[in-house]
Protein backbone atom coordinates (compact mmCIF):
# COMPACT_ATOMS: atom_id res chain seq x y z
CA MET A 1 -44.78 -267.12 -8.73
CA ASP A 2 -48.55 -267.47 -8.39
CA ARG A 3 -50.98 -264.61 -8.91
CA GLU A 4 -51.67 -264.05 -5.20
CA ILE A 5 -47.98 -263.66 -4.39
CA LYS A 6 -47.44 -261.37 -7.39
CA GLU A 7 -50.26 -259.12 -6.21
CA ALA A 8 -48.92 -259.09 -2.65
CA THR A 9 -45.44 -258.24 -3.92
CA LEU A 10 -46.77 -255.32 -5.97
CA ILE A 11 -48.66 -253.98 -2.94
CA THR A 12 -45.54 -254.32 -0.77
CA ARG A 13 -43.46 -252.40 -3.31
CA GLN A 14 -46.06 -249.62 -3.45
CA LYS A 15 -46.09 -249.34 0.34
CA TYR A 16 -42.31 -248.98 0.54
CA ASP A 17 -42.28 -246.52 -2.36
CA ARG A 18 -44.80 -244.44 -0.42
CA ASN A 19 -43.10 -244.84 2.98
CA SER A 20 -39.64 -244.03 1.59
CA LYS A 21 -40.34 -240.31 2.07
CA PHE A 22 -40.33 -240.60 5.87
CA TYR A 23 -38.77 -244.03 6.46
CA ASN A 24 -35.46 -242.82 7.88
CA LEU A 25 -37.14 -240.29 10.14
CA MET A 26 -39.60 -242.89 11.40
CA GLU A 27 -36.81 -245.31 12.34
CA PHE A 28 -34.35 -242.72 13.64
CA PRO A 29 -34.75 -243.43 17.40
CA LEU A 30 -34.38 -247.19 16.97
CA GLU A 31 -31.48 -246.69 14.58
CA LEU A 32 -29.71 -244.40 17.02
CA PHE A 33 -30.08 -246.50 20.14
CA LEU A 34 -30.23 -250.09 18.85
CA TYR A 35 -30.01 -250.84 15.15
CA ARG A 36 -26.68 -249.26 14.27
CA ARG A 37 -24.93 -251.21 17.04
CA TRP A 38 -26.46 -254.45 15.77
CA ARG A 39 -25.54 -253.66 12.16
CA ARG A 40 -21.91 -253.02 13.12
CA ARG A 41 -21.81 -256.34 14.93
CA LEU A 42 -23.33 -258.22 11.99
CA PHE A 43 -20.81 -256.80 9.54
CA GLY A 44 -18.00 -257.96 11.79
CA LYS A 45 -19.09 -261.48 10.76
CA VAL A 46 -19.32 -260.86 7.00
CA ARG A 47 -16.85 -262.79 4.85
CA GLY A 48 -16.07 -261.78 1.29
CA PRO A 49 -15.16 -261.21 -1.30
CA ARG A 50 -18.59 -261.55 -2.94
CA VAL A 51 -21.37 -260.12 -0.78
CA LEU A 52 -25.05 -259.68 -1.63
CA GLU A 53 -27.38 -257.51 0.43
CA VAL A 54 -31.04 -258.36 -0.03
CA GLY A 55 -33.32 -255.48 0.90
CA VAL A 56 -30.72 -252.73 0.91
CA GLY A 57 -33.48 -250.17 1.48
CA THR A 58 -32.24 -246.63 2.16
CA GLY A 59 -28.69 -247.90 2.60
CA LYS A 60 -28.27 -248.00 6.36
CA ASN A 61 -25.79 -250.88 6.13
CA LEU A 62 -23.62 -249.40 3.40
CA LYS A 63 -21.18 -247.59 5.67
CA TYR A 64 -20.18 -250.89 7.27
CA TYR A 65 -18.94 -252.53 4.05
CA GLN A 66 -15.20 -253.13 3.90
CA GLN A 67 -13.29 -251.85 0.90
CA GLU A 68 -12.14 -255.31 -0.19
CA PHE A 69 -15.71 -256.61 -0.63
CA TRP A 70 -17.18 -257.03 -4.10
CA ALA A 71 -20.73 -256.19 -3.07
CA ILE A 72 -24.10 -255.56 -4.68
CA GLY A 73 -27.37 -254.44 -3.09
CA VAL A 74 -30.89 -255.21 -4.27
CA ASP A 75 -34.29 -253.98 -3.17
CA LEU A 76 -37.88 -254.26 -4.30
CA SER A 77 -38.48 -250.49 -3.98
CA GLU A 78 -36.69 -248.13 -6.33
CA ALA A 79 -37.80 -245.18 -4.19
CA MET A 80 -36.08 -246.66 -1.13
CA MET A 81 -32.87 -247.28 -3.07
CA PHE A 82 -32.89 -243.72 -4.41
CA LYS A 83 -31.98 -242.52 -0.92
CA ALA A 84 -29.13 -245.04 -0.77
CA LYS A 85 -27.55 -244.16 -4.12
CA PRO A 86 -25.16 -241.33 -3.08
CA LEU A 87 -23.46 -243.46 -0.40
CA ALA A 88 -23.55 -246.57 -2.59
CA LYS A 89 -21.84 -244.66 -5.41
CA SER A 90 -19.12 -243.40 -3.09
CA LYS A 91 -18.51 -246.97 -1.90
CA GLY A 92 -18.58 -248.44 -5.40
CA ILE A 93 -21.56 -250.68 -4.60
CA PRO A 94 -24.09 -251.10 -7.43
CA LEU A 95 -27.77 -251.12 -6.52
CA VAL A 96 -30.36 -253.01 -8.57
CA GLN A 97 -34.13 -253.15 -8.25
CA MET A 98 -34.94 -256.81 -7.72
CA ASP A 99 -37.45 -259.05 -5.97
CA ALA A 100 -35.97 -261.24 -3.21
CA GLN A 101 -38.34 -264.00 -4.32
CA TYR A 102 -36.72 -264.05 -7.76
CA LEU A 103 -33.05 -263.11 -7.71
CA ALA A 104 -31.56 -262.61 -11.17
CA PHE A 105 -28.20 -264.16 -10.32
CA CYS A 106 -26.55 -267.45 -11.22
CA ASP A 107 -26.32 -270.26 -8.70
CA ASN A 108 -23.55 -270.50 -6.10
CA ILE A 109 -21.80 -267.14 -6.57
CA PHE A 110 -21.93 -265.26 -3.25
CA ASP A 111 -19.77 -265.89 -0.18
CA THR A 112 -22.14 -264.05 2.17
CA VAL A 113 -25.71 -262.81 1.89
CA VAL A 114 -26.91 -260.13 4.31
CA ALA A 115 -30.48 -259.09 5.13
CA THR A 116 -31.56 -256.79 7.95
CA PHE A 117 -35.24 -256.33 8.79
CA VAL A 118 -36.28 -257.73 5.40
CA PHE A 119 -38.07 -261.05 5.81
CA CYS A 120 -40.82 -259.48 7.87
CA SER A 121 -42.12 -257.98 4.62
CA VAL A 122 -41.33 -260.49 1.84
CA PRO A 123 -44.75 -261.92 0.84
CA ASP A 124 -43.41 -265.49 0.51
CA PRO A 125 -40.46 -265.57 2.92
CA ILE A 126 -39.60 -269.22 2.30
CA LYS A 127 -39.37 -268.59 -1.45
CA GLY A 128 -37.09 -265.60 -0.80
CA LEU A 129 -34.89 -267.65 1.53
CA GLN A 130 -34.69 -270.46 -1.02
CA GLU A 131 -33.50 -267.95 -3.60
CA ILE A 132 -30.77 -266.82 -1.21
CA ARG A 133 -29.75 -270.43 -0.74
CA ARG A 134 -29.58 -270.89 -4.51
CA VAL A 135 -27.22 -267.95 -5.12
CA LEU A 136 -25.07 -268.68 -2.06
CA LYS A 137 -21.95 -270.80 -2.42
CA PRO A 138 -22.18 -274.24 -0.75
CA ASP A 139 -19.74 -273.07 1.95
CA GLY A 140 -21.26 -269.58 2.17
CA ARG A 141 -23.25 -268.05 5.00
CA VAL A 142 -26.29 -265.86 5.38
CA LEU A 143 -26.61 -263.28 8.16
CA PHE A 144 -29.92 -261.82 9.29
CA ILE A 145 -31.19 -259.33 11.82
CA GLU A 146 -34.95 -259.72 12.08
CA HIS A 147 -37.86 -259.02 14.39
CA VAL A 148 -39.99 -262.10 14.93
CA LEU A 149 -42.97 -263.47 16.81
CA PRO A 150 -42.03 -263.30 20.53
CA GLN A 151 -41.84 -266.55 22.47
CA ASN A 152 -43.67 -265.10 25.47
CA PRO A 153 -47.31 -266.31 25.17
CA LEU A 154 -48.86 -262.94 26.06
CA LEU A 155 -46.57 -260.98 23.74
CA GLY A 156 -47.09 -263.58 21.02
CA TRP A 157 -50.86 -263.24 21.30
CA THR A 158 -50.55 -259.45 21.19
CA PHE A 159 -48.37 -259.51 18.07
CA ASN A 160 -50.70 -261.97 16.31
CA THR A 161 -53.68 -259.78 17.19
CA LEU A 162 -52.05 -256.55 15.99
CA ASP A 163 -50.52 -257.90 12.78
CA PRO A 164 -53.72 -257.70 10.66
CA LEU A 165 -54.00 -254.04 11.69
CA THR A 166 -50.37 -252.95 11.22
CA SER A 167 -49.26 -254.90 8.14
CA PRO A 168 -51.74 -253.28 5.68
CA LEU A 169 -50.28 -249.87 6.52
CA SER A 170 -46.57 -250.64 6.76
CA GLY A 171 -46.12 -253.81 4.72
CA VAL A 172 -44.35 -255.31 7.75
CA HIS A 173 -45.52 -258.46 9.51
CA ILE A 174 -44.71 -258.51 13.21
CA ASN A 175 -45.51 -262.19 13.78
CA ARG A 176 -43.17 -264.05 11.42
CA LYS A 177 -41.58 -267.32 12.59
CA THR A 178 -38.31 -266.62 10.83
CA SER A 179 -36.31 -269.36 12.54
CA ASP A 180 -38.77 -271.97 11.23
CA ASN A 181 -38.72 -270.39 7.77
CA ILE A 182 -34.91 -270.53 7.64
CA HIS A 183 -35.04 -274.27 8.36
CA LYS A 184 -37.81 -274.86 5.82
CA ALA A 185 -35.79 -273.09 3.12
CA GLY A 186 -32.92 -275.56 3.46
CA PHE A 187 -30.54 -273.88 5.89
CA LYS A 188 -28.87 -275.02 9.06
CA LEU A 189 -28.87 -272.40 11.81
CA ILE A 190 -25.45 -272.01 13.35
CA ARG A 191 -26.43 -269.06 15.55
CA GLU A 192 -29.74 -267.71 16.84
CA GLU A 193 -29.16 -264.94 19.34
CA ASN A 194 -31.66 -262.72 21.11
CA LEU A 195 -30.84 -259.03 20.70
CA LEU A 196 -33.84 -257.60 22.56
CA LEU A 197 -36.02 -260.03 24.52
CA THR A 198 -37.11 -262.63 21.96
CA ILE A 199 -38.43 -259.99 19.55
CA PHE A 200 -35.21 -259.02 17.75
CA LYS A 201 -32.82 -261.78 16.73
CA PHE A 202 -29.47 -262.25 15.02
CA PHE A 203 -29.27 -265.33 12.80
CA ILE A 204 -26.32 -266.94 11.05
CA ALA A 205 -27.10 -269.89 8.79
CA LYS A 206 -25.43 -272.00 6.15
CA PRO A 207 -26.95 -274.06 3.34
CA LEU A 208 -27.64 -277.69 4.03
CA LYS A 209 -25.87 -279.97 1.61
CA LYS A 210 -28.13 -281.14 -1.16
CA GLU A 211 -28.64 -284.84 -1.35
CA ARG A 212 -27.23 -286.43 -4.47
CA GLU A 213 -29.80 -287.39 -7.03
CA THR A 214 -30.23 -291.10 -7.50
CA HIS A 215 -30.44 -292.51 -11.03
């Protein structure tokens, strides 16, 4: 990872460590009226037994894990995960501080990878997605809920204009082209569904088969 990305990753971690104190309170209205319904729907599509959650955060997805899953959660911010630990312990789900851009797992071991509202803040999203592809089994799937750059030209212009103002404070980019990034990282999209206008989306993707090396 080059120096610029390392510095950006450190800054992102510091922002989430700082914001962890009020993160759940800040998101409470959206969680109550929108997010929890979307999370429940996403976990209805999760296939085990081996499940990885990238960006587990304060643990808002943990209650949706089925007992038969062998699951592990990772996050860049230890302070965020601290809030998730009581529920994670009760569910038997280990949590590990880890950078999505460098996952410390072997290749091809997870049946499903889950990430919700994560790739808006990963400094190099394509690198993070490539790491997910690496640790995912060839027949595995990745499930995302993300907010992205809206397709409406006026909304898109507004989000692009606001992003340089909002991202330094929150660490979140509101103008990511996540669908394009998923393709660039070597996945085939099998579902791209609008959850709220074209701002919030539900993605399901699977790894493209690697071409055989020629000798």
